[in-house]
Each structure stands twice: as C-alpha cells, then as structure tokens.
C-alpha cells in the first residue's frame, strides 16, 4: 500500500517536469504584454525625455520660453541649473532649467 501511493505521488511531478512547452506557452501572454507596453508607453516616454533634455541644453540668452507653471518670459541670465526669466520689464524670476516646458517662437512676446 505504501509503495503504490509513493509511486503515485512522484508520477505527476515527473510528468510536469517534462512538459516544458506548456509552461512556456503559459508565459507567452505575459511576455507579449510587456513587449506591447514597451512599444506603446516606455519607448515614446524615453523619446520625449530625450527631446526635452536637448531643448534645455540648447537654451540661450534671449530665448522666449514658457515654464511648466505657466510663466512666459525671455531668458535674461543663465546658470548651471537655474535661469532668470524676465516676465515684465524690470521683473525677473529665477526658475530651474527643467521647469522650462517649451521654447516659444521669436516675437511671440510683445
């Protein structure tokens, strides 16, 4: 009685070890979801970050910019990690470089 039940307990384990294809097939939807997630969300976000970094590196004195907070002005002074933006004549605001959302076309501020 003990021998037959012990043999019966090891039989499914041996069968499951030899069924590698079914375990790979079970993981296939997970792998496909990750690939789709990469191409739909992660890759475009990395591209957007790269473009923003290039825009910030290309900033120059006199550029007209809009910040993330909604301030619009002209770059008057530049530092390593901060910019001074002139929002009105004689009024300067100091912001971080990464707070610049976009560079506006020349002449958009009057």
Protein backbone atom coordinates (compact mmCIF):
# COMPACT_ATOMS: atom_id res chain seq x y z
CA UNK A 1 0.00 0.00 0.00
CA UNK A 2 2.75 2.49 0.89
CA UNK A 3 4.81 1.71 -2.16
CA UNK A 4 1.99 2.25 -4.64
CA UNK A 5 0.96 5.60 -3.09
CA UNK A 6 4.58 6.82 -3.06
CA UNK A 7 4.90 5.89 -6.71
CA UNK A 8 1.66 7.71 -7.49
CA UNK A 9 2.93 10.89 -5.82
CA UNK A 10 6.12 11.06 -7.88
CA UNK A 11 4.47 10.36 -11.22
CA UNK A 12 2.80 13.79 -11.72
CA UNK A 13 5.99 15.62 -10.72
CA UNK A 14 7.95 13.76 -13.38
CA UNK A 15 5.26 14.49 -15.96
CA UNK A 16 5.22 18.21 -15.10
CA UNK A 17 8.99 18.47 -15.45
CA UNK A 18 8.84 17.03 -18.95
CA UNK A 19 6.06 19.41 -20.02
CA UNK A 20 8.29 22.47 -20.57
CA UNK A 21 6.37 23.61 -23.64
CA UNK A 22 3.15 24.15 -21.68
CA UNK A 23 4.93 26.35 -19.13
CA UNK A 24 6.44 28.46 -21.92
CA UNK A 25 3.04 28.76 -23.55
CA UNK A 26 1.62 29.94 -20.23
CA UNK A 27 4.25 32.70 -20.01
CA UNK A 28 3.77 33.84 -23.62
CA UNK A 29 0.87 36.26 -22.88
CA UNK A 30 2.91 37.92 -20.13
CA UNK A 31 5.89 38.40 -22.45
CA UNK A 32 3.65 39.76 -25.20
CA UNK A 33 2.03 42.23 -22.79
CA UNK A 34 5.46 43.52 -21.73
CA UNK A 35 6.56 43.95 -25.36
CA UNK A 36 3.38 45.89 -26.19
CA UNK A 37 3.79 48.00 -23.04
CA UNK A 38 7.37 48.81 -24.04
CA UNK A 39 6.47 49.98 -27.55
CA UNK A 40 3.28 51.82 -26.55
CA UNK A 41 4.34 53.56 -23.33
CA UNK A 42 8.00 53.25 -22.33
CA UNK A 43 9.72 53.96 -25.66
CA UNK A 44 7.71 57.13 -26.50
CA UNK A 45 8.30 58.48 -22.98
CA UNK A 46 12.05 57.97 -23.32
CA UNK A 47 11.99 59.74 -26.69
CA UNK A 48 10.07 62.67 -25.17
CA UNK A 49 12.58 62.95 -22.30
CA UNK A 50 15.48 62.95 -24.75
CA UNK A 51 13.89 65.77 -26.80
CA UNK A 52 13.22 67.82 -23.63
CA UNK A 53 16.82 67.38 -22.47
CA UNK A 54 18.09 68.53 -25.89
CA UNK A 55 15.78 71.58 -25.77
CA UNK A 56 17.04 72.55 -22.31
CA UNK A 57 20.67 72.15 -23.36
CA UNK A 58 20.06 74.38 -26.40
CA UNK A 59 18.58 77.28 -24.39
CA UNK A 60 20.32 80.61 -24.95
CA UNK A 61 20.06 84.11 -23.55
CA UNK A 62 17.22 86.00 -25.26
CA UNK A 63 15.06 82.92 -25.95
CA UNK A 64 11.37 83.30 -25.20
CA UNK A 65 10.16 80.42 -23.04
CA UNK A 66 7.10 79.08 -21.26
CA UNK A 67 7.53 77.28 -17.95
CA UNK A 68 5.64 74.35 -16.53
CA UNK A 69 3.93 76.73 -14.08
CA UNK A 70 2.60 78.91 -16.89
CA UNK A 71 5.09 81.81 -16.72
CA UNK A 72 6.06 83.24 -20.07
CA UNK A 73 9.13 85.39 -20.50
CA UNK A 74 12.53 85.98 -22.01
CA UNK A 75 15.71 84.33 -20.69
CA UNK A 76 17.92 87.08 -19.26
CA UNK A 77 20.57 85.18 -17.28
CA UNK A 78 21.73 81.59 -17.41
CA UNK A 79 23.38 79.49 -14.75
CA UNK A 80 24.33 75.85 -14.36
CA UNK A 81 20.91 74.70 -13.15
CA UNK A 82 18.88 77.94 -12.91
CA UNK A 83 17.61 80.54 -15.38
CA UNK A 84 16.47 84.10 -14.81
CA UNK A 85 13.39 84.85 -16.88
CA UNK A 86 12.22 88.41 -17.43
CA UNK A 87 8.42 88.25 -17.23
CA UNK A 88 7.89 92.03 -17.40
CA UNK A 89 10.22 94.97 -17.82
CA UNK A 90 12.38 95.02 -14.71
CA UNK A 91 10.78 91.87 -13.19
CA UNK A 92 12.94 88.75 -13.22
CA UNK A 93 12.03 85.32 -11.89
CA UNK A 94 14.56 82.61 -11.21
CA UNK A 95 13.48 79.06 -12.21
CA UNK A 96 15.15 75.71 -12.64
CA UNK A 97 16.18 74.74 -16.16
CA UNK A 98 13.92 71.69 -16.09
CA UNK A 99 10.90 73.91 -15.39
CA UNK A 100 11.02 75.18 -18.98
CA UNK A 101 8.22 73.46 -20.89
CA UNK A 102 8.82 74.91 -24.35
CA UNK A 103 10.74 77.49 -26.31
CA UNK A 104 8.39 79.92 -28.00
CA UNK A 105 8.94 81.32 -31.50
CA UNK A 106 10.78 84.65 -31.65
CA UNK A 107 8.47 87.64 -31.41
CA UNK A 108 5.62 85.86 -29.63
CA UNK A 109 6.06 88.15 -26.58
CA UNK A 110 5.38 91.83 -27.08
